[in-house]
Each structure stands twice: as C-alpha cells, then as structure tokens.
Amino acid sequence: MVSHEIETATPSAAQFPPRVRSEGVVRERAGLRAGVVVWLAAGLAFVLVAAAIGLWARHGEAVFFDLLAAGMAACF
C-alpha cells in the first residue's frame, strides 16, 4: 500500500503570524476614556458651581436658599 500524507486545511504559523493585542494598548485606551470621563465630570461640576454663584449674586442669600429649597422639594 502506498501511504499518502494528508494535507491539513489550516495554514502554518509562518504564513499567518498571530494577531496579538498588546495589553499596553488596551490599558492606554482605557486610561484615555477614564481621563475623558474625569474631565467631563469636572466640567459639569464647574458649570453647576458657576450657576449657583450666579444665582446667589443675582437673587441674594435669602431668595437663593428659597429657590434652592423649592427646587429640591419639587424633585422629591
């Protein structure tokens, strides 16, 4: 009997090197996203504090606290 070698359908590793995603790249992108979230949160906090200071300056202390209390009561 003649023995024939069976060729496999999968290519060898030399033909197609494996695609490996570096952990450093993944961590860098996650760090970038976290940085963007932190900057957005800081920007939102700044806007809220600036709005509160503006209301305080425009309406005065008593009216400001009354508006704030009415707003909080409306939420709950």
Protein backbone atom coordinates (compact mmCIF):
# COMPACT_ATOMS: atom_id res chain seq x y z
CA MET A 1 0.00 0.00 0.00
CA VAL A 2 1.05 3.48 -0.75
CA SER A 3 0.79 5.90 2.13
CA HIS A 4 -0.23 9.40 1.28
CA GLU A 5 0.30 12.36 3.54
CA ILE A 6 -2.88 14.17 4.42
CA GLU A 7 -2.63 17.89 3.95
CA THR A 8 -4.40 19.96 6.51
CA ALA A 9 -6.61 22.88 5.57
CA THR A 10 -5.13 25.13 8.24
CA PRO A 11 -2.23 27.35 7.19
CA SER A 12 1.02 27.19 9.04
CA ALA A 13 2.01 29.79 11.61
CA ALA A 14 4.77 31.02 9.31
CA GLN A 15 2.25 32.05 6.66
CA PHE A 16 -0.07 33.94 9.00
CA PRO A 17 1.52 35.25 12.19
CA PRO A 18 -0.92 35.55 15.07
CA ARG A 19 -2.50 38.91 15.75
CA VAL A 20 -1.75 39.76 19.33
CA ARG A 21 -3.25 42.80 21.01
CA SER A 22 -0.83 44.26 23.47
CA GLU A 23 -2.10 44.79 27.00
CA GLY A 24 -0.44 48.18 27.00
CA VAL A 25 -2.59 49.39 24.12
CA VAL A 26 -5.77 48.24 25.84
CA ARG A 27 -4.76 49.88 29.11
CA GLU A 28 -3.80 53.08 27.31
CA ARG A 29 -7.22 53.31 25.65
CA ALA A 30 -8.99 52.58 28.94
CA GLY A 31 -6.91 55.27 30.61
CA LEU A 32 -7.80 57.71 27.85
CA ARG A 33 -11.51 57.01 28.27
CA ALA A 34 -11.23 57.40 32.04
CA GLY A 35 -9.45 60.71 31.56
CA VAL A 36 -12.20 61.98 29.28
CA VAL A 37 -14.86 60.98 31.81
CA VAL A 38 -12.99 62.76 34.60
CA TRP A 39 -12.66 65.95 32.54
CA LEU A 40 -16.34 65.88 31.61
CA ALA A 41 -17.36 65.40 35.25
CA ALA A 42 -15.07 68.25 36.31
CA GLY A 43 -16.54 70.50 33.61
CA LEU A 44 -20.08 69.69 34.72
CA ALA A 45 -19.20 70.40 38.35
CA PHE A 46 -17.67 73.73 37.34
CA VAL A 47 -20.79 74.74 35.41
CA LEU A 48 -23.05 73.83 38.34
CA VAL A 49 -20.94 75.78 40.83
CA ALA A 50 -20.80 78.78 38.48
CA ALA A 51 -24.60 78.68 38.09
CA ALA A 52 -25.04 78.56 41.86
CA ILE A 53 -22.73 81.55 42.33
CA GLY A 54 -24.59 83.44 39.62
CA LEU A 55 -27.95 82.78 41.26
CA TRP A 56 -26.55 83.83 44.63
CA ALA A 57 -25.24 87.09 43.18
CA ARG A 58 -28.46 87.87 41.33
CA HIS A 59 -31.10 86.92 43.90
CA GLY A 60 -29.32 87.36 47.21
CA GLU A 61 -28.86 84.89 50.03
CA ALA A 62 -32.46 84.51 51.26
CA VAL A 63 -34.04 84.23 47.83
CA PHE A 64 -31.30 81.87 46.68
CA PHE A 65 -31.93 79.43 49.53
CA ASP A 66 -35.71 79.66 48.98
CA LEU A 67 -35.29 78.85 45.27
CA LEU A 68 -32.93 76.01 46.09
CA ALA A 69 -35.30 74.55 48.70
CA ALA A 70 -38.28 74.85 46.33
CA GLY A 71 -36.34 73.13 43.57
CA MET A 72 -35.29 70.28 45.84
CA ALA A 73 -38.88 69.91 47.10
CA ALA A 74 -40.15 69.73 43.52
CA CYS A 75 -37.74 66.87 42.78
CA PHE A 76 -38.93 64.78 45.70
